[in-house]
C-alpha atoms as a PDB file:
ATOM      1  CA  MET A   1     -60.074 -69.644 -55.697  1.00  0.00           C
ATOM      2  CA  THR A   2     -57.754 -72.621 -55.951  1.00  0.00           C
ATOM      3  CA  ARG A   3     -54.465 -72.254 -54.079  1.00  0.00           C
ATOM      4  CA  ILE A   4     -51.173 -73.995 -54.764  1.00  0.00           C
ATOM      5  CA  ASP A   5     -50.285 -77.473 -53.591  1.00  0.00           C
ATOM      6  CA  ILE A   6     -47.213 -76.538 -51.563  1.00  0.00           C
ATOM      7  CA  ALA A   7     -45.961 -80.129 -51.431  1.00  0.00           C
ATOM      8  CA  LYS A   8     -45.976 -80.220 -55.228  1.00  0.00           C
ATOM      9  CA  VAL A   9     -44.501 -76.804 -55.992  1.00  0.00           C
ATOM     10  CA  GLN A  10     -42.026 -76.669 -53.102  1.00  0.00           C
ATOM     11  CA  PRO A  11     -41.236 -80.313 -52.300  1.00  0.00           C
ATOM     12  CA  ALA A  12     -37.832 -79.649 -50.748  1.00  0.00           C
ATOM     13  CA  ALA A  13     -39.258 -77.044 -48.372  1.00  0.00           C
ATOM     14  CA  TYR A  14     -42.195 -79.286 -47.528  1.00  0.00           C
ATOM     15  CA  ASP A  15     -39.825 -82.193 -46.843  1.00  0.00           C
ATOM     16  CA  ALA A  16     -37.753 -79.906 -44.608  1.00  0.00           C
ATOM     17  CA  MET A  17     -40.880 -79.113 -42.576  1.00  0.00           C
ATOM     18  CA  PHE A  18     -41.492 -82.824 -42.143  1.00  0.00           C
ATOM     19  CA  GLY A  19     -37.870 -83.127 -41.064  1.00  0.00           C
ATOM     20  CA  LEU A  20     -38.690 -80.776 -38.195  1.00  0.00           C
ATOM     21  CA  GLU A  21     -41.643 -83.000 -37.286  1.00  0.00           C
ATOM     22  CA  LYS A  22     -39.373 -86.062 -37.231  1.00  0.00           C
ATOM     23  CA  TYR A  23     -36.939 -84.168 -35.010  1.00  0.00           C
ATOM     24  CA  LEU A  24     -39.753 -83.295 -32.602  1.00  0.00           C
ATOM     25  CA  GLU A  25     -40.739 -86.968 -32.377  1.00  0.00           C
ATOM     26  CA  THR A  26     -37.277 -87.657 -30.914  1.00  0.00           C
ATOM     27  CA  SER A  27     -37.501 -84.881 -28.322  1.00  0.00           C
ATOM     28  CA  ASP A  28     -37.695 -85.371 -24.570  1.00  0.00           C
ATOM     29  CA  LEU A  29     -41.096 -83.696 -24.448  1.00  0.00           C
ATOM     30  CA  GLU A  30     -44.210 -85.594 -23.420  1.00  0.00           C
ATOM     31  CA  PRO A  31     -46.341 -86.492 -26.457  1.00  0.00           C
ATOM     32  CA  ILE A  32     -49.482 -84.999 -24.912  1.00  0.00           C
ATOM     33  CA  LEU A  33     -47.656 -81.762 -24.093  1.00  0.00           C
ATOM     34  CA  ILE A  34     -46.564 -81.555 -27.731  1.00  0.00           C
ATOM     35  CA  GLU A  35     -50.176 -81.888 -28.876  1.00  0.00           C
ATOM     36  CA  LEU A  36     -51.397 -79.298 -26.361  1.00  0.00           C
ATOM     37  CA  VAL A  37     -48.885 -76.810 -27.733  1.00  0.00           C
ATOM     38  CA  LYS A  38     -49.941 -77.579 -31.291  1.00  0.00           C
ATOM     39  CA  ILE A  39     -53.620 -77.176 -30.454  1.00  0.00           C
ATOM     40  CA  ARG A  40     -53.115 -73.938 -28.514  1.00  0.00           C
ATOM     41  CA  ALA A  41     -50.990 -72.259 -31.186  1.00  0.00           C
ATOM     42  CA  SER A  42     -53.479 -73.387 -33.817  1.00  0.00           C
ATOM     43  CA  GLN A  43     -56.357 -71.914 -31.787  1.00  0.00           C
ATOM     44  CA  ILE A  44     -54.570 -68.572 -31.599  1.00  0.00           C
ATOM     45  CA  ASN A  45     -53.778 -68.633 -35.315  1.00  0.00           C
ATOM     46  CA  GLY A  46     -57.289 -69.734 -36.289  1.00  0.00           C
ATOM     47  CA  CYS A  47     -56.140 -72.845 -38.129  1.00  0.00           C
ATOM     48  CA  ALA A  48     -59.171 -75.139 -38.005  1.00  0.00           C
ATOM     49  CA  TYR A  49     -57.400 -77.872 -39.979  1.00  0.00           C
ATOM     50  CA  CYS A  50     -54.544 -78.047 -37.460  1.00  0.00           C
ATOM     51  CA  ILE A  51     -56.863 -77.799 -34.453  1.00  0.00           C
ATOM     52  CA  GLN A  52     -58.832 -80.785 -35.709  1.00  0.00           C
ATOM     53  CA  MET A  53     -55.728 -82.822 -36.563  1.00  0.00           C
ATOM     54  CA  HIS A  54     -53.965 -82.215 -33.252  1.00  0.00           C
ATOM     55  CA  THR A  55     -57.119 -82.653 -31.170  1.00  0.00           C
ATOM     56  CA  LYS A  56     -57.534 -86.113 -32.699  1.00  0.00           C
ATOM     57  CA  ALA A  57     -53.854 -86.847 -32.061  1.00  0.00           C
ATOM     58  CA  ALA A  58     -54.118 -85.715 -28.421  1.00  0.00           C
ATOM     59  CA  LEU A  59     -57.194 -87.853 -27.846  1.00  0.00           C
ATOM     60  CA  GLY A  60     -55.393 -90.800 -29.421  1.00  0.00           C
ATOM     61  CA  LYS A  61     -52.530 -90.305 -26.985  1.00  0.00           C
ATOM     62  CA  GLY A  62     -54.892 -90.373 -24.007  1.00  0.00           C
ATOM     63  CA  GLU A  63     -55.616 -86.691 -23.427  1.00  0.00           C
ATOM     64  CA  ALA A  64     -58.922 -85.993 -21.690  1.00  0.00           C
ATOM     65  CA  VAL A  65     -61.666 -84.305 -23.690  1.00  0.00           C
ATOM     66  CA  GLU A  66     -62.289 -81.922 -20.786  1.00  0.00           C
ATOM     67  CA  ARG A  67     -58.716 -80.615 -20.901  1.00  0.00           C
ATOM     68  CA  ILE A  68     -58.931 -80.014 -24.630  1.00  0.00           C
ATOM     69  CA  PHE A  69     -62.190 -78.108 -24.097  1.00  0.00           C
ATOM     70  CA  ALA A  70     -60.475 -76.035 -21.388  1.00  0.00           C
ATOM     71  CA  LEU A  71     -57.284 -75.379 -23.350  1.00  0.00           C
ATOM     72  CA  SER A  72     -58.338 -71.982 -24.674  1.00  0.00           C
ATOM     73  CA  ALA A  73     -58.917 -70.923 -21.046  1.00  0.00           C
ATOM     74  CA  TRP A  74     -55.888 -72.691 -19.544  1.00  0.00           C
ATOM     75  CA  LYS A  75     -54.974 -69.671 -17.400  1.00  0.00           C
ATOM     76  CA  GLU A  76     -58.251 -69.976 -15.493  1.00  0.00           C
ATOM     77  CA  SER A  77     -58.481 -73.766 -15.499  1.00  0.00           C
ATOM     78  CA  PRO A  78     -57.190 -75.900 -12.613  1.00  0.00           C
ATOM     79  CA  MET A  79     -56.693 -78.837 -15.011  1.00  0.00           C
ATOM     80  CA  PHE A  80     -53.189 -77.870 -16.139  1.00  0.00           C
ATOM     81  CA  SER A  81     -49.944 -78.419 -14.227  1.00  0.00           C
ATOM     82  CA  ASP A  82     -47.420 -75.668 -13.532  1.00  0.00           C
ATOM     83  CA  GLN A  83     -45.150 -77.257 -16.135  1.00  0.00           C
ATOM     84  CA  GLU A  84     -47.904 -77.191 -18.753  1.00  0.00           C
ATOM     85  CA  ARG A  85     -48.791 -73.616 -17.820  1.00  0.00           C
ATOM     86  CA  ALA A  86     -45.194 -72.525 -18.355  1.00  0.00           C
ATOM     87  CA  VAL A  87     -45.114 -74.105 -21.816  1.00  0.00           C
ATOM     88  CA  LEU A  88     -48.536 -72.739 -22.763  1.00  0.00           C
ATOM     89  CA  ALA A  89     -47.475 -69.236 -21.686  1.00  0.00           C
ATOM     90  CA  LEU A  90     -44.357 -69.525 -23.844  1.00  0.00           C
ATOM     91  CA  THR A  91     -46.492 -70.831 -26.709  1.00  0.00           C
ATOM     92  CA  GLU A  92     -48.771 -67.819 -26.481  1.00  0.00           C
ATOM     93  CA  GLU A  93     -45.953 -65.291 -26.278  1.00  0.00           C
ATOM     94  CA  MET A  94     -44.093 -66.875 -29.192  1.00  0.00           C
ATOM     95  CA  THR A  95     -47.269 -67.096 -31.267  1.00  0.00           C
ATOM     96  CA  HIS A  96     -47.992 -63.418 -30.531  1.00  0.00           C
ATOM     97  CA  ILE A  97     -44.275 -62.555 -30.835  1.00  0.00           C
ATOM     98  CA  SER A  98     -44.891 -59.066 -32.245  1.00  0.00           C
ATOM     99  CA  ARG A  99     -46.721 -57.953 -29.103  1.00  0.00           C
ATOM    100  CA  GLN A 100     -43.878 -58.073 -26.600  1.00  0.00           C
ATOM    101  CA  GLY A 101     -41.536 -60.846 -27.595  1.00  0.00           C
ATOM    102  CA  VAL A 102     -40.935 -63.481 -24.946  1.00  0.00           C
ATOM    103  CA  THR A 103     -40.861 -61.905 -21.509  1.00  0.00           C
ATOM    104  CA  ASP A 104     -38.255 -62.728 -18.888  1.00  0.00           C
ATOM    105  CA  ARG A 105     -41.054 -63.806 -16.549  1.00  0.00           C
ATOM    106  CA  VAL A 106     -42.378 -66.442 -18.951  1.00  0.00           C
ATOM    107  CA  TYR A 107     -38.899 -67.629 -19.911  1.00  0.00           C
ATOM    108  CA  ALA A 108     -37.969 -67.995 -16.226  1.00  0.00           C
ATOM    109  CA  GLN A 109     -41.119 -70.073 -15.628  1.00  0.00           C
ATOM    110  CA  VAL A 110     -40.074 -72.449 -18.401  1.00  0.00           C
ATOM    111  CA  GLN A 111     -36.558 -72.661 -16.902  1.00  0.00           C
ATOM    112  CA  GLU A 112     -38.073 -73.816 -13.606  1.00  0.00           C
ATOM    113  CA  HIS A 113     -39.406 -76.970 -15.267  1.00  0.00           C
ATOM    114  CA  PHE A 114     -37.107 -77.764 -18.192  1.00  0.00           C
ATOM    115  CA  ASN A 115     -33.411 -78.007 -18.926  1.00  0.00           C
ATOM    116  CA  GLU A 116     -31.723 -76.111 -21.757  1.00  0.00           C
ATOM    117  CA  GLU A 117     -32.089 -78.921 -24.283  1.00  0.00           C
ATOM    118  CA  GLN A 118     -35.800 -79.254 -23.546  1.00  0.00           C
ATOM    119  CA  ILE A 119     -36.280 -75.489 -23.776  1.00  0.00           C
ATOM    120  CA  GLY A 120     -34.666 -75.611 -27.201  1.00  0.00           C
ATOM    121  CA  GLN A 121     -37.055 -78.401 -28.157  1.00  0.00           C
ATOM    122  CA  ILE A 122     -40.052 -76.401 -26.934  1.00  0.00           C
ATOM    123  CA  ILE A 123     -38.929 -73.358 -28.918  1.00  0.00           C
ATOM    124  CA  MET A 124     -38.583 -75.495 -32.060  1.00  0.00           C
ATOM    125  CA  LEU A 125     -41.993 -77.085 -31.384  1.00  0.00           C
ATOM    126  CA  VAL A 126     -43.748 -73.727 -31.131  1.00  0.00           C
ATOM    127  CA  THR A 127     -41.873 -72.405 -34.160  1.00  0.00           C
ATOM    128  CA  THR A 128     -42.796 -75.464 -36.225  1.00  0.00           C
ATOM    129  CA  ILE A 129     -46.523 -75.440 -35.456  1.00  0.00           C
ATOM    130  CA  ASN A 130     -46.693 -71.706 -36.138  1.00  0.00           C
ATOM    131  CA  ALA A 131     -45.048 -72.322 -39.514  1.00  0.00           C
ATOM    132  CA  TRP A 132     -47.512 -75.136 -40.294  1.00  0.00           C
ATOM    133  CA  ASN A 133     -50.425 -72.888 -39.310  1.00  0.00           C
ATOM    134  CA  ARG A 134     -49.233 -70.181 -41.643  1.00  0.00           C
ATOM    135  CA  ILE A 135     -48.783 -72.628 -44.509  1.00  0.00           C
ATOM    136  CA  ALA A 136     -52.216 -74.159 -43.944  1.00  0.00           C
ATOM    137  CA  LEU A 137     -53.916 -70.778 -43.780  1.00  0.00           C
ATOM    138  CA  ALA A 138     -52.050 -69.357 -46.788  1.00  0.00           C
ATOM    139  CA  ILE A 139     -53.033 -72.249 -49.054  1.00  0.00           C
ATOM    140  CA  GLN A 140     -56.380 -72.881 -47.361  1.00  0.00           C
ATOM    141  CA  ILE A 141     -55.859 -76.527 -46.446  1.00  0.00           C
ATOM    142  CA  GLN A 142     -59.169 -78.081 -45.423  1.00  0.00           C
END
């Protein structure tokens, strides 16, 4: 079954999504951390297209192949910093928001490593990649 071309039928909405991407490029967040979040959310959501795109981007920014391989098991892997762990935990809770929301424990961990502006940027990052995943899956981008 052929699905719609969202960029063609909803160009203003699609442009707004790219506006969020441009905003994220100006954030204080490390480029590799941004890609790790995008990969992890995409893994959870089962978006192969986004996993492939953001894995390539992470590698292009200098991320190690081993860390990308370990990303789905970041809780057990010693390869991730406490700062990365805090963001990945927030990514997982936001991506699975219907389970329990974002817990105080995870939010407090993020507060240990980031200021309010950065936390806002992280929340927008996770929100944006989850939206992209849903778009890609709904229209079966390949």
